[in-house]
Amino acid sequence: MTEVTAKRTVEKTVKEKVQAGKCLLCDSPGDSNRGLCCSHYFEFRRKLLSLPKSKRLAFESEQIREGRILASGQLRELKTVDAFPSEVT
């Protein structure tokens, strides 16, 4: 599967909230659970698991594209600070 990311129109907001440690939906602390606070993460999981298996991947991809949740492992990528920044490319 190709990696799904947020649309360009919401990408900046998503990165800012992740860097600030806020939930993508409500600005509460959201440093874990794919960028969401516990309440919104469990709400996402309930919704995901209520769908037929054939529709779950499409639902999850839509939520990622809309910036409502991070892709699996994306939180670590966005929070990692480059220890060796350089302007030489």
C-alpha atoms as a PDB file:
ATOM      1  CA  MET A   1       0.000   0.000   0.000  1.00  0.00           C
ATOM      2  CA  THR A   2       1.255   3.466  -0.783  1.00  0.00           C
ATOM      3  CA  GLU A   3       1.646   5.747   2.187  1.00  0.00           C
ATOM      4  CA  VAL A   4      -1.344   8.002   2.732  1.00  0.00           C
ATOM      5  CA  THR A   5      -0.645  11.526   3.956  1.00  0.00           C
ATOM      6  CA  ALA A   6      -2.686  14.624   4.721  1.00  0.00           C
ATOM      7  CA  LYS A   7      -3.779  16.887   1.897  1.00  0.00           C
ATOM      8  CA  ARG A   8      -1.568  19.911   1.279  1.00  0.00           C
ATOM      9  CA  THR A   9      -4.351  22.213   2.482  1.00  0.00           C
ATOM     10  CA  VAL A  10      -4.225  20.729   6.014  1.00  0.00           C
ATOM     11  CA  GLU A  11      -0.627  19.505   6.129  1.00  0.00           C
ATOM     12  CA  LYS A  12       0.724  22.651   7.833  1.00  0.00           C
ATOM     13  CA  THR A  13      -1.948  22.565  10.545  1.00  0.00           C
ATOM     14  CA  VAL A  14      -1.307  18.867  11.179  1.00  0.00           C
ATOM     15  CA  LYS A  15       2.450  19.439  11.573  1.00  0.00           C
ATOM     16  CA  GLU A  16       1.925  22.406  13.900  1.00  0.00           C
ATOM     17  CA  LYS A  17      -0.433  20.467  16.158  1.00  0.00           C
ATOM     18  CA  VAL A  18       1.892  17.456  16.274  1.00  0.00           C
ATOM     19  CA  GLN A  19       4.873  19.652  17.159  1.00  0.00           C
ATOM     20  CA  ALA A  20       2.789  21.291  19.913  1.00  0.00           C
ATOM     21  CA  GLY A  21       1.628  17.882  21.210  1.00  0.00           C
ATOM     22  CA  LYS A  22      -2.058  18.688  20.661  1.00  0.00           C
ATOM     23  CA  CYS A  23      -4.902  16.474  19.506  1.00  0.00           C
ATOM     24  CA  LEU A  24      -5.625  17.006  15.822  1.00  0.00           C
ATOM     25  CA  LEU A  25      -9.313  17.474  16.600  1.00  0.00           C
ATOM     26  CA  CYS A  26      -9.659  19.316  19.906  1.00  0.00           C
ATOM     27  CA  ASP A  27      -6.301  20.769  21.003  1.00  0.00           C
ATOM     28  CA  SER A  28      -6.165  18.610  24.150  1.00  0.00           C
ATOM     29  CA  PRO A  29      -2.867  16.816  24.760  1.00  0.00           C
ATOM     30  CA  GLY A  30      -2.528  14.321  21.933  1.00  0.00           C
ATOM     31  CA  ASP A  31       1.031  13.070  22.070  1.00  0.00           C
ATOM     32  CA  SER A  32       0.115   9.459  21.423  1.00  0.00           C
ATOM     33  CA  ASN A  33      -2.513   7.409  19.639  1.00  0.00           C
ATOM     34  CA  ARG A  34      -1.833   8.689  16.142  1.00  0.00           C
ATOM     35  CA  GLY A  35      -2.056  12.373  17.010  1.00  0.00           C
ATOM     36  CA  LEU A  36      -5.332  12.208  18.913  1.00  0.00           C
ATOM     37  CA  CYS A  37      -6.323  12.543  22.542  1.00  0.00           C
ATOM     38  CA  CYS A  38      -7.590   9.349  24.159  1.00  0.00           C
ATOM     39  CA  SER A  39     -11.248  10.274  23.699  1.00  0.00           C
ATOM     40  CA  HIS A  40     -10.953  10.940  19.982  1.00  0.00           C
ATOM     41  CA  TYR A  41      -8.703   7.930  19.400  1.00  0.00           C
ATOM     42  CA  PHE A  42     -11.255   5.595  20.990  1.00  0.00           C
ATOM     43  CA  GLU A  43     -14.041   7.292  19.032  1.00  0.00           C
ATOM     44  CA  PHE A  44     -12.073   6.666  15.816  1.00  0.00           C
ATOM     45  CA  ARG A  45     -11.486   3.006  16.768  1.00  0.00           C
ATOM     46  CA  ARG A  46     -15.180   2.453  17.561  1.00  0.00           C
ATOM     47  CA  LYS A  47     -16.187   3.937  14.216  1.00  0.00           C
ATOM     48  CA  LEU A  48     -13.525   1.947  12.341  1.00  0.00           C
ATOM     49  CA  LEU A  49     -14.508  -1.342  13.963  1.00  0.00           C
ATOM     50  CA  SER A  50     -18.210  -0.709  13.345  1.00  0.00           C
ATOM     51  CA  LEU A  51     -17.598  -0.683   9.585  1.00  0.00           C
ATOM     52  CA  PRO A  52     -17.473  -3.801   7.441  1.00  0.00           C
ATOM     53  CA  LYS A  53     -13.888  -4.995   6.925  1.00  0.00           C
ATOM     54  CA  SER A  54     -14.110  -4.129   3.234  1.00  0.00           C
ATOM     55  CA  LYS A  55     -14.635  -0.427   4.042  1.00  0.00           C
ATOM     56  CA  ARG A  56     -12.170   0.056   6.894  1.00  0.00           C
ATOM     57  CA  LEU A  57      -9.101   0.813   4.799  1.00  0.00           C
ATOM     58  CA  ALA A  58     -10.932   3.425   2.732  1.00  0.00           C
ATOM     59  CA  PHE A  59     -12.329   5.051   5.891  1.00  0.00           C
ATOM     60  CA  GLU A  60      -8.921   5.186   7.564  1.00  0.00           C
ATOM     61  CA  SER A  61      -7.291   6.598   4.418  1.00  0.00           C
ATOM     62  CA  GLU A  62      -9.954   9.294   4.172  1.00  0.00           C
ATOM     63  CA  GLN A  63      -9.380  10.326   7.803  1.00  0.00           C
ATOM     64  CA  ILE A  64      -5.621  10.558   7.204  1.00  0.00           C
ATOM     65  CA  ARG A  65      -6.050  12.634   4.026  1.00  0.00           C
ATOM     66  CA  GLU A  66      -8.399  15.033   5.831  1.00  0.00           C
ATOM     67  CA  GLY A  67      -5.874  15.486   8.668  1.00  0.00           C
ATOM     68  CA  ARG A  68      -8.137  13.966  11.321  1.00  0.00           C
ATOM     69  CA  ILE A  69      -5.675  11.208  12.279  1.00  0.00           C
ATOM     70  CA  LEU A  70      -2.058  10.384  11.495  1.00  0.00           C
ATOM     71  CA  ALA A  71      -0.948   7.353   9.547  1.00  0.00           C
ATOM     72  CA  SER A  72       0.543   4.560  11.612  1.00  0.00           C
ATOM     73  CA  GLY A  73       4.111   5.557  12.577  1.00  0.00           C
ATOM     74  CA  GLN A  74       3.718   9.102  11.264  1.00  0.00           C
ATOM     75  CA  LEU A  75       3.733  10.674  14.741  1.00  0.00           C
ATOM     76  CA  ARG A  76       7.333   9.542  15.247  1.00  0.00           C
ATOM     77  CA  GLU A  77       8.340  10.945  11.843  1.00  0.00           C
ATOM     78  CA  LEU A  78       6.786  14.350  12.522  1.00  0.00           C
ATOM     79  CA  LYS A  79       8.118  14.629  16.090  1.00  0.00           C
ATOM     80  CA  THR A  80      11.701  13.640  15.252  1.00  0.00           C
ATOM     81  CA  VAL A  81      14.074  16.570  15.263  1.00  0.00           C
ATOM     82  CA  ASP A  82      17.066  16.433  12.924  1.00  0.00           C
ATOM     83  CA  ALA A  83      20.120  16.190  15.171  1.00  0.00           C
ATOM     84  CA  PHE A  84      22.413  17.208  12.305  1.00  0.00           C
ATOM     85  CA  PRO A  85      20.709  19.964  10.319  1.00  0.00           C
ATOM     86  CA  SER A  86      22.598  21.274   7.330  1.00  0.00           C
ATOM     87  CA  GLU A  87      21.958  23.684   4.528  1.00  0.00           C
ATOM     88  CA  VAL A  88      24.207  21.667   2.207  1.00  0.00           C
ATOM     89  CA  THR A  89      22.196  19.440  -0.099  1.00  0.00           C
END
